[in-house]
Protein backbone atom coordinates (compact mmCIF):
# COMPACT_ATOMS: atom_id res chain seq x y z
CA MET A 1 -0.15 -0.09 -0.16
CA THR A 2 1.30 3.67 -0.95
CA THR A 3 1.68 5.41 2.43
CA VAL A 4 3.04 8.59 1.40
CA ALA A 5 2.47 11.07 -1.78
CA LEU A 6 4.11 14.54 -2.98
CA TYR A 7 0.70 16.67 -4.52
CA VAL A 8 2.71 19.54 -6.75
CA GLU A 9 0.17 22.51 -8.13
CA LEU A 10 1.76 24.84 -11.33
CA LYS A 11 0.35 27.85 -12.67
CA ALA A 12 1.60 28.58 -15.93
CA LYS A 13 2.97 32.03 -17.65
CA ALA A 14 0.46 33.55 -19.77
CA GLY A 15 1.33 31.95 -23.28
CA LYS A 16 3.44 28.90 -21.45
CA GLU A 17 0.32 27.16 -21.20
CA GLU A 18 0.81 24.62 -23.87
CA ASP A 19 4.65 24.31 -23.15
CA VAL A 20 3.93 23.30 -19.72
CA ALA A 21 1.37 20.67 -20.87
CA ALA A 22 3.94 19.45 -22.89
CA PHE A 23 6.46 19.03 -20.14
CA LEU A 24 4.28 17.34 -18.21
CA LYS A 25 3.18 15.01 -20.94
CA SER A 26 6.88 14.14 -21.68
CA ALA A 27 7.68 13.61 -18.17
CA GLU A 28 5.57 10.39 -18.31
CA ALA A 29 8.76 8.53 -19.88
CA LEU A 30 11.42 9.58 -17.07
CA VAL A 31 8.52 8.70 -14.25
CA ASP A 32 8.12 5.24 -15.98
CA GLN A 33 11.80 4.62 -15.23
CA GLU A 34 11.26 5.41 -11.79
CA ALA A 35 10.84 2.01 -9.68
CA GLN A 36 9.38 3.45 -6.79
CA THR A 37 7.07 5.94 -7.94
CA VAL A 38 3.70 3.79 -7.68
CA ALA A 39 1.36 6.07 -9.25
CA TRP A 40 1.63 9.37 -11.59
CA PHE A 41 -0.39 11.93 -12.39
CA ALA A 42 -0.22 14.60 -14.09
CA VAL A 43 -3.56 16.78 -14.52
CA ARG A 44 -4.91 20.09 -16.02
CA PHE A 45 -7.78 22.01 -14.21
CA ASP A 46 -8.00 24.94 -16.78
CA LYS A 47 -5.96 27.30 -19.01
CA ASN A 48 -2.87 27.46 -16.62
CA THR A 49 -3.29 25.75 -13.69
CA PHE A 50 -1.42 21.94 -13.93
CA ALA A 51 -0.92 19.31 -10.82
CA ILE A 52 1.09 16.77 -10.28
CA PHE A 53 -0.05 13.48 -7.50
CA ASP A 54 1.94 10.82 -7.21
CA ALA A 55 2.18 8.29 -4.36
CA PHE A 56 4.99 5.89 -3.12
CA ASP A 57 4.92 2.96 -0.65
CA THR A 58 7.79 4.58 1.14
CA GLU A 59 9.15 8.00 2.41
CA ALA A 60 12.76 6.33 0.45
CA GLY A 61 10.58 6.27 -2.91
CA ARG A 62 9.10 9.40 -2.82
CA GLN A 63 12.71 10.96 -1.79
CA ALA A 64 14.03 9.40 -4.81
CA HIS A 65 11.64 10.49 -7.07
CA LEU A 66 12.35 14.59 -5.67
CA GLY A 67 16.06 14.12 -6.48
CA GLY A 68 14.95 12.32 -9.76
CA GLN A 69 15.03 14.02 -13.51
CA VAL A 70 11.53 15.31 -13.49
CA ALA A 71 11.96 17.28 -10.46
CA ALA A 72 14.79 18.81 -11.56
CA ALA A 73 13.84 19.26 -15.26
CA LEU A 74 11.13 21.29 -13.52
CA MET A 75 13.26 23.17 -11.42
CA ALA A 76 15.30 24.04 -14.31
CA HIS A 77 12.83 25.53 -16.43
CA ALA A 78 10.51 26.95 -13.75
CA ASP A 79 11.67 30.16 -13.73
CA GLU A 80 10.67 30.07 -18.14
CA LEU A 81 7.41 28.34 -17.69
CA LEU A 82 5.72 29.30 -14.50
CA GLU A 83 4.12 32.22 -12.56
CA MET A 84 5.47 31.15 -9.04
CA PRO A 85 7.90 28.32 -7.78
CA PRO A 86 6.23 25.05 -7.42
CA GLU A 87 4.40 24.60 -4.15
CA ILE A 88 5.34 21.05 -3.51
CA LYS A 89 3.43 19.45 -0.26
CA ARG A 90 3.66 16.01 1.12
CA PRO A 91 0.43 14.18 2.14
CA GLU A 92 0.50 11.13 3.72
CA VAL A 93 -2.19 8.35 1.81
CA LEU A 94 -4.50 7.35 4.00
CA ALA A 95 -6.34 4.86 1.40
CA ASP A 96 -5.49 3.72 -2.21
CA LYS A 97 -7.07 1.41 -4.97
CA LEU A 98 -4.43 0.44 -7.47
CA PRO A 99 -4.67 -1.80 -10.27
CA GLY A 100 -2.93 -5.28 -9.68
């Protein structure tokens, strides 16, 4: 069972909305390489509001993801793409339903 998660809300700069969407779609290939990332979602709420939600069985998995390629790429492009730095929340998972 997953025990910890990450929730990161992203606000795209005006004119950068589709660049943020493309970045998030491309990040899936990197996340696929992370054995400890149990679930990962990139979502869009409206024109410029996006979020990433991912879940992990252990704190070590969460820390590995935070130190991984997606986080590094996001932070490297944050000034160019986002209105403000990403706000990373670290929720505890109370229950889950996953395939398999």
